[in-house]
Amino acid sequence: MKHITFLVLALASGILSLSVAIAQQQTKFEGEFSLTATEYKDGMMLSKNYQILIVGGTATIKHTTDTGRQKEDKGTVSLTIHSGIDPVTKRVAESTGFVRVELVNPGWASDKFITRIDLPFTAPPAEKAPKATFSATTTIEMIWRDILPDGLVRDSDPMGIRLKAPYQIKVTKNPFP
């Protein structure tokens, strides 16, 4: 009798933990985007097309290098939302923000070369999380990240060639359901 009770409890806890894991997996921040260069120049160190798959705080970025080789990189994702109450109307204003994808490539010593992609969006005011509308265009920015001896991080452009290339955004899967 003890073994049957133990078996039933173990089975019930296993089913409960599986359902919790499935529910958590379904609430992850997920999205898929395609970016196409609008003013591509050969030798620019950026690809003509990017495929970005976002799951949680990580991104998989697929692109073709200027040598024609398919490349898949991993990057980080952060979400910034600007919202609040309009001081004139005293109502919740339209929210704006961006999903930032950063691809970090090694540099010299502790410095890093960063490819930064911001995907801007707007969302109408709502009590629940509304479906956001992403901008039709964005820029891909190449910058240098310096990690200073005291641990501070500084994004800079030491050579004065901060590159911002224009791209068109196609949303395959909107991360805001």
C-alpha atoms as a PDB file:
ATOM      1  CA  MET A   1       0.000   0.000   0.000  1.00  0.00           C
ATOM      2  CA  LYS A   2       2.867   2.404   0.823  1.00  0.00           C
ATOM      3  CA  HIS A   3       4.470   1.728  -2.563  1.00  0.00           C
ATOM      4  CA  ILE A   4       1.229   2.467  -4.429  1.00  0.00           C
ATOM      5  CA  THR A   5       0.714   5.727  -2.516  1.00  0.00           C
ATOM      6  CA  PHE A   6       4.325   6.746  -3.195  1.00  0.00           C
ATOM      7  CA  LEU A   7       3.955   5.866  -6.886  1.00  0.00           C
ATOM      8  CA  VAL A   8       0.732   7.901  -7.201  1.00  0.00           C
ATOM      9  CA  LEU A   9       2.320  10.916  -5.470  1.00  0.00           C
ATOM     10  CA  ALA A  10       5.445  10.693  -7.639  1.00  0.00           C
ATOM     11  CA  LEU A  11       3.322  10.474 -10.791  1.00  0.00           C
ATOM     12  CA  ALA A  12       1.169  13.442  -9.720  1.00  0.00           C
ATOM     13  CA  SER A  13       4.207  15.608  -8.919  1.00  0.00           C
ATOM     14  CA  GLY A  14       5.805  14.645 -12.233  1.00  0.00           C
ATOM     15  CA  ILE A  15       2.695  15.679 -14.174  1.00  0.00           C
ATOM     16  CA  LEU A  16       2.466  18.944 -12.212  1.00  0.00           C
ATOM     17  CA  SER A  17       6.127  19.851 -12.845  1.00  0.00           C
ATOM     18  CA  LEU A  18       5.736  19.014 -16.557  1.00  0.00           C
ATOM     19  CA  SER A  19       2.677  21.267 -16.876  1.00  0.00           C
ATOM     20  CA  VAL A  20       4.513  24.113 -15.085  1.00  0.00           C
ATOM     21  CA  ALA A  21       7.512  23.681 -17.422  1.00  0.00           C
ATOM     22  CA  ILE A  22       5.235  23.785 -20.487  1.00  0.00           C
ATOM     23  CA  ALA A  23       3.473  26.919 -19.200  1.00  0.00           C
ATOM     24  CA  GLN A  24       6.815  28.638 -18.544  1.00  0.00           C
ATOM     25  CA  GLN A  25       8.084  27.685 -21.983  1.00  0.00           C
ATOM     26  CA  GLN A  26       5.001  29.164 -23.656  1.00  0.00           C
ATOM     27  CA  THR A  27       5.425  32.531 -21.895  1.00  0.00           C
ATOM     28  CA  LYS A  28       8.984  33.123 -23.133  1.00  0.00           C
ATOM     29  CA  PHE A  29       9.744  36.234 -25.142  1.00  0.00           C
ATOM     30  CA  GLU A  30      10.025  34.857 -28.696  1.00  0.00           C
ATOM     31  CA  GLY A  31      10.221  36.575 -32.057  1.00  0.00           C
ATOM     32  CA  GLU A  32      11.617  36.249 -35.541  1.00  0.00           C
ATOM     33  CA  PHE A  33      12.774  39.046 -37.820  1.00  0.00           C
ATOM     34  CA  SER A  34      14.349  39.426 -41.266  1.00  0.00           C
ATOM     35  CA  LEU A  35      16.489  42.446 -42.087  1.00  0.00           C
ATOM     36  CA  THR A  36      17.438  43.477 -45.634  1.00  0.00           C
ATOM     37  CA  ALA A  37      19.958  46.209 -46.460  1.00  0.00           C
ATOM     38  CA  THR A  38      18.526  49.228 -48.274  1.00  0.00           C
ATOM     39  CA  GLU A  39      21.893  50.826 -49.125  1.00  0.00           C
ATOM     40  CA  TYR A  40      24.386  47.982 -49.190  1.00  0.00           C
ATOM     41  CA  LYS A  41      28.008  48.654 -50.109  1.00  0.00           C
ATOM     42  CA  ASP A  42      30.526  45.869 -50.663  1.00  0.00           C
ATOM     43  CA  GLY A  43      33.286  45.642 -48.078  1.00  0.00           C
ATOM     44  CA  MET A  44      31.100  47.240 -45.400  1.00  0.00           C
ATOM     45  CA  MET A  45      31.633  44.357 -42.918  1.00  0.00           C
ATOM     46  CA  LEU A  46      27.860  43.891 -42.657  1.00  0.00           C
ATOM     47  CA  SER A  47      25.684  41.357 -44.448  1.00  0.00           C
ATOM     48  CA  LYS A  48      22.940  42.196 -46.942  1.00  0.00           C
ATOM     49  CA  ASN A  49      20.428  40.029 -45.057  1.00  0.00           C
ATOM     50  CA  TYR A  50      20.031  38.972 -41.441  1.00  0.00           C
ATOM     51  CA  GLN A  51      17.658  36.390 -39.960  1.00  0.00           C
ATOM     52  CA  ILE A  52      17.156  36.958 -36.216  1.00  0.00           C
ATOM     53  CA  LEU A  53      15.470  34.387 -33.976  1.00  0.00           C
ATOM     54  CA  ILE A  54      14.854  35.600 -30.408  1.00  0.00           C
ATOM     55  CA  VAL A  55      14.099  33.226 -27.538  1.00  0.00           C
ATOM     56  CA  GLY A  56      14.151  34.781 -24.082  1.00  0.00           C
ATOM     57  CA  GLY A  57      17.307  36.842 -23.625  1.00  0.00           C
ATOM     58  CA  THR A  58      19.304  35.235 -26.439  1.00  0.00           C
ATOM     59  CA  ALA A  59      19.254  35.626 -30.200  1.00  0.00           C
ATOM     60  CA  THR A  60      20.446  33.446 -33.040  1.00  0.00           C
ATOM     61  CA  ILE A  61      21.587  35.594 -35.950  1.00  0.00           C
ATOM     62  CA  LYS A  62      22.050  33.973 -39.371  1.00  0.00           C
ATOM     63  CA  HIS A  63      23.711  35.919 -42.159  1.00  0.00           C
ATOM     64  CA  THR A  64      25.988  35.556 -45.166  1.00  0.00           C
ATOM     65  CA  THR A  65      29.439  37.138 -44.959  1.00  0.00           C
ATOM     66  CA  ASP A  66      30.929  39.190 -47.792  1.00  0.00           C
ATOM     67  CA  THR A  67      32.891  36.075 -48.819  1.00  0.00           C
ATOM     68  CA  GLY A  68      29.602  34.203 -49.367  1.00  0.00           C
ATOM     69  CA  ARG A  69      29.916  31.955 -46.312  1.00  0.00           C
ATOM     70  CA  GLN A  70      26.778  31.259 -44.219  1.00  0.00           C
ATOM     71  CA  LYS A  71      27.380  32.228 -40.617  1.00  0.00           C
ATOM     72  CA  GLU A  72      25.347  31.714 -37.451  1.00  0.00           C
ATOM     73  CA  ASP A  73      26.151  33.756 -34.360  1.00  0.00           C
ATOM     74  CA  LYS A  74      24.680  33.992 -30.875  1.00  0.00           C
ATOM     75  CA  GLY A  75      23.825  37.330 -29.340  1.00  0.00           C
ATOM     76  CA  THR A  76      22.045  38.919 -26.407  1.00  0.00           C
ATOM     77  CA  VAL A  77      18.616  40.554 -26.336  1.00  0.00           C
ATOM     78  CA  SER A  78      17.317  43.378 -24.171  1.00  0.00           C
ATOM     79  CA  LEU A  79      13.939  45.102 -24.130  1.00  0.00           C
ATOM     80  CA  THR A  80      13.427  48.816 -23.475  1.00  0.00           C
ATOM     81  CA  ILE A  81       9.919  50.276 -23.157  1.00  0.00           C
ATOM     82  CA  HIS A  82       9.126  53.978 -22.721  1.00  0.00           C
ATOM     83  CA  SER A  83       5.643  54.526 -21.347  1.00  0.00           C
ATOM     84  CA  GLY A  84       3.880  56.671 -18.852  1.00  0.00           C
ATOM     85  CA  ILE A  85       1.082  59.135 -18.287  1.00  0.00           C
ATOM     86  CA  ASP A  86       0.669  62.066 -20.643  1.00  0.00           C
ATOM     87  CA  PRO A  87       0.875  65.149 -18.367  1.00  0.00           C
ATOM     88  CA  VAL A  88      -1.658  67.072 -20.471  1.00  0.00           C
ATOM     89  CA  THR A  89      -4.436  64.478 -20.851  1.00  0.00           C
ATOM     90  CA  LYS A  90      -3.610  62.546 -17.653  1.00  0.00           C
ATOM     91  CA  ARG A  91      -4.066  59.305 -19.609  1.00  0.00           C
ATOM     92  CA  VAL A  92      -1.679  56.493 -20.392  1.00  0.00           C
ATOM     93  CA  ALA A  93       0.221  57.518 -23.500  1.00  0.00           C
ATOM     94  CA  GLU A  94       1.329  55.406 -26.429  1.00  0.00           C
ATOM     95  CA  SER A  95       4.288  53.210 -25.522  1.00  0.00           C
ATOM     96  CA  THR A  96       7.458  53.237 -27.557  1.00  0.00           C
ATOM     97  CA  GLY A  97      10.559  51.177 -27.215  1.00  0.00           C
ATOM     98  CA  PHE A  98      12.978  48.859 -28.913  1.00  0.00           C
ATOM     99  CA  VAL A  99      14.291  45.334 -28.798  1.00  0.00           C
ATOM    100  CA  ARG A 100      18.098  45.505 -28.832  1.00  0.00           C
ATOM    101  CA  VAL A 101      20.093  42.607 -30.237  1.00  0.00           C
ATOM    102  CA  GLU A 102      23.854  42.719 -29.703  1.00  0.00           C
ATOM    103  CA  LEU A 103      26.379  40.448 -31.342  1.00  0.00           C
ATOM    104  CA  VAL A 104      29.744  40.518 -29.558  1.00  0.00           C
ATOM    105  CA  ASN A 105      32.901  39.647 -31.476  1.00  0.00           C
ATOM    106  CA  PRO A 106      36.325  39.419 -29.818  1.00  0.00           C
ATOM    107  CA  GLY A 107      38.718  42.307 -30.126  1.00  0.00           C
ATOM    108  CA  TRP A 108      42.118  43.002 -28.634  1.00  0.00           C
ATOM    109  CA  ALA A 109      42.703  42.117 -24.988  1.00  0.00           C
ATOM    110  CA  SER A 110      39.434  42.720 -23.137  1.00  0.00           C
ATOM    111  CA  ASP A 111      37.924  45.032 -25.780  1.00  0.00           C
ATOM    112  CA  LYS A 112      35.064  43.805 -27.950  1.00  0.00           C
ATOM    113  CA  PHE A 113      33.644  44.666 -31.356  1.00  0.00           C
ATOM    114  CA  ILE A 114      29.833  45.034 -31.171  1.00  0.00           C
ATOM    115  CA  THR A 115      27.199  44.783 -33.889  1.00  0.00           C
ATOM    116  CA  ARG A 116      24.056  46.402 -32.463  1.00  0.00           C
ATOM    117  CA  ILE A 117      20.594  46.014 -33.976  1.00  0.00           C
ATOM    118  CA  ASP A 118      17.711  48.045 -32.524  1.00  0.00           C
ATOM    119  CA  LEU A 119      14.192  46.985 -33.542  1.00  0.00           C
ATOM    120  CA  PRO A 120      11.949  49.982 -32.647  1.00  0.00           C
ATOM    121  CA  PHE A 121       8.234  49.531 -31.951  1.00  0.00           C
ATOM    122  CA  THR A 122       5.133  51.413 -30.811  1.00  0.00           C
ATOM    123  CA  ALA A 123       2.119  50.112 -28.905  1.00  0.00           C
ATOM    124  CA  PRO A 124      -1.209  51.848 -28.312  1.00  0.00           C
ATOM    125  CA  PRO A 125      -2.256  52.562 -24.721  1.00  0.00           C
ATOM    126  CA  ALA A 126      -3.986  49.585 -23.137  1.00  0.00           C
ATOM    127  CA  GLU A 127      -4.575  48.022 -19.746  1.00  0.00           C
ATOM    128  CA  LYS A 128      -3.196  44.693 -20.938  1.00  0.00           C
ATOM    129  CA  ALA A 129      -0.069  44.229 -23.022  1.00  0.00           C
ATOM    130  CA  PRO A 130      -1.132  45.272 -26.537  1.00  0.00           C
ATOM    131  CA  LYS A 131       0.347  43.917 -29.736  1.00  0.00           C
ATOM    132  CA  ALA A 132       3.218  46.156 -30.741  1.00  0.00           C
ATOM    133  CA  THR A 133       3.837  47.450 -34.245  1.00  0.00           C
ATOM    134  CA  PHE A 134       7.454  47.377 -35.327  1.00  0.00           C
ATOM    135  CA  SER A 135       9.003  50.099 -37.442  1.00  0.00           C
ATOM    136  CA  ALA A 136       9.561  49.377 -41.150  1.00  0.00           C
ATOM    137  CA  THR A 137      13.231  50.392 -40.992  1.00  0.00           C
ATOM    138  CA  THR A 138      16.133  50.343 -38.579  1.00  0.00           C
ATOM    139  CA  THR A 139      19.888  50.752 -38.559  1.00  0.00           C
ATOM    140  CA  ILE A 140      22.618  48.294 -37.729  1.00  0.00           C
ATOM    141  CA  GLU A 141      25.393  49.950 -35.819  1.00  0.00           C
ATOM    142  CA  MET A 142      29.003  48.821 -35.422  1.00  0.00           C
ATOM    143  CA  ILE A 143      30.751  50.073 -32.287  1.00  0.00           C
ATOM    144  CA  TRP A 144      33.686  49.277 -30.046  1.00  0.00           C
ATOM    145  CA  ARG A 145      33.182  48.207 -26.423  1.00  0.00           C
ATOM    146  CA  ASP A 146      36.005  49.082 -24.037  1.00  0.00           C
ATOM    147  CA  ILE A 147      36.133  47.334 -20.670  1.00  0.00           C
ATOM    148  CA  LEU A 148      38.063  49.697 -18.441  1.00  0.00           C
ATOM    149  CA  PRO A 149      40.426  48.538 -15.652  1.00  0.00           C
ATOM    150  CA  ASP A 150      37.943  49.587 -12.953  1.00  0.00           C
ATOM    151  CA  GLY A 151      35.242  47.347 -14.532  1.00  0.00           C
ATOM    152  CA  LEU A 152      33.223  50.094 -16.205  1.00  0.00           C
ATOM    153  CA  VAL A 153      32.078  49.449 -19.765  1.00  0.00           C
ATOM    154  CA  ARG A 154      32.205  52.160 -22.430  1.00  0.00           C
ATOM    155  CA  ASP A 155      30.792  51.920 -25.955  1.00  0.00           C
ATOM    156  CA  SER A 156      32.817  54.143 -28.241  1.00  0.00           C
ATOM    157  CA  ASP A 157      34.094  54.805 -31.728  1.00  0.00           C
ATOM    158  CA  PRO A 158      37.857  55.277 -31.370  1.00  0.00           C
ATOM    159  CA  MET A 159      38.531  55.544 -35.114  1.00  0.00           C
ATOM    160  CA  GLY A 160      35.704  58.004 -35.813  1.00  0.00           C
ATOM    161  CA  ILE A 161      33.932  55.728 -38.283  1.00  0.00           C
ATOM    162  CA  ARG A 162      30.803  54.870 -36.349  1.00  0.00           C
ATOM    163  CA  LEU A 163      28.818  53.040 -38.969  1.00  0.00           C
ATOM    164  CA  LYS A 164      25.031  53.045 -39.100  1.00  0.00           C
ATOM    165  CA  ALA A 165      23.640  51.100 -42.041  1.00  0.00           C
ATOM    166  CA  PRO A 166      19.909  51.274 -42.958  1.00  0.00           C
ATOM    167  CA  TYR A 167      17.877  48.042 -43.133  1.00  0.00           C
ATOM    168  CA  GLN A 168      14.240  47.126 -43.760  1.00  0.00           C
ATOM    169  CA  ILE A 169      12.495  45.056 -41.075  1.00  0.00           C
ATOM    170  CA  LYS A 170      10.145  42.178 -41.836  1.00  0.00           C
ATOM    171  CA  VAL A 171       8.463  40.704 -38.752  1.00  0.00           C
ATOM    172  CA  THR A 172       7.948  36.955 -39.213  1.00  0.00           C
ATOM    173  CA  LYS A 173       6.850  36.332 -35.618  1.00  0.00           C
ATOM    174  CA  ASN A 174       5.921  39.239 -33.369  1.00  0.00           C
ATOM    175  CA  PRO A 175       7.282  38.703 -29.816  1.00  0.00           C
ATOM    176  CA  PHE A 176       4.337  40.645 -28.381  1.00  0.00           C
ATOM    177  CA  PRO A 177       1.311  38.329 -28.763  1.00  0.00           C
END
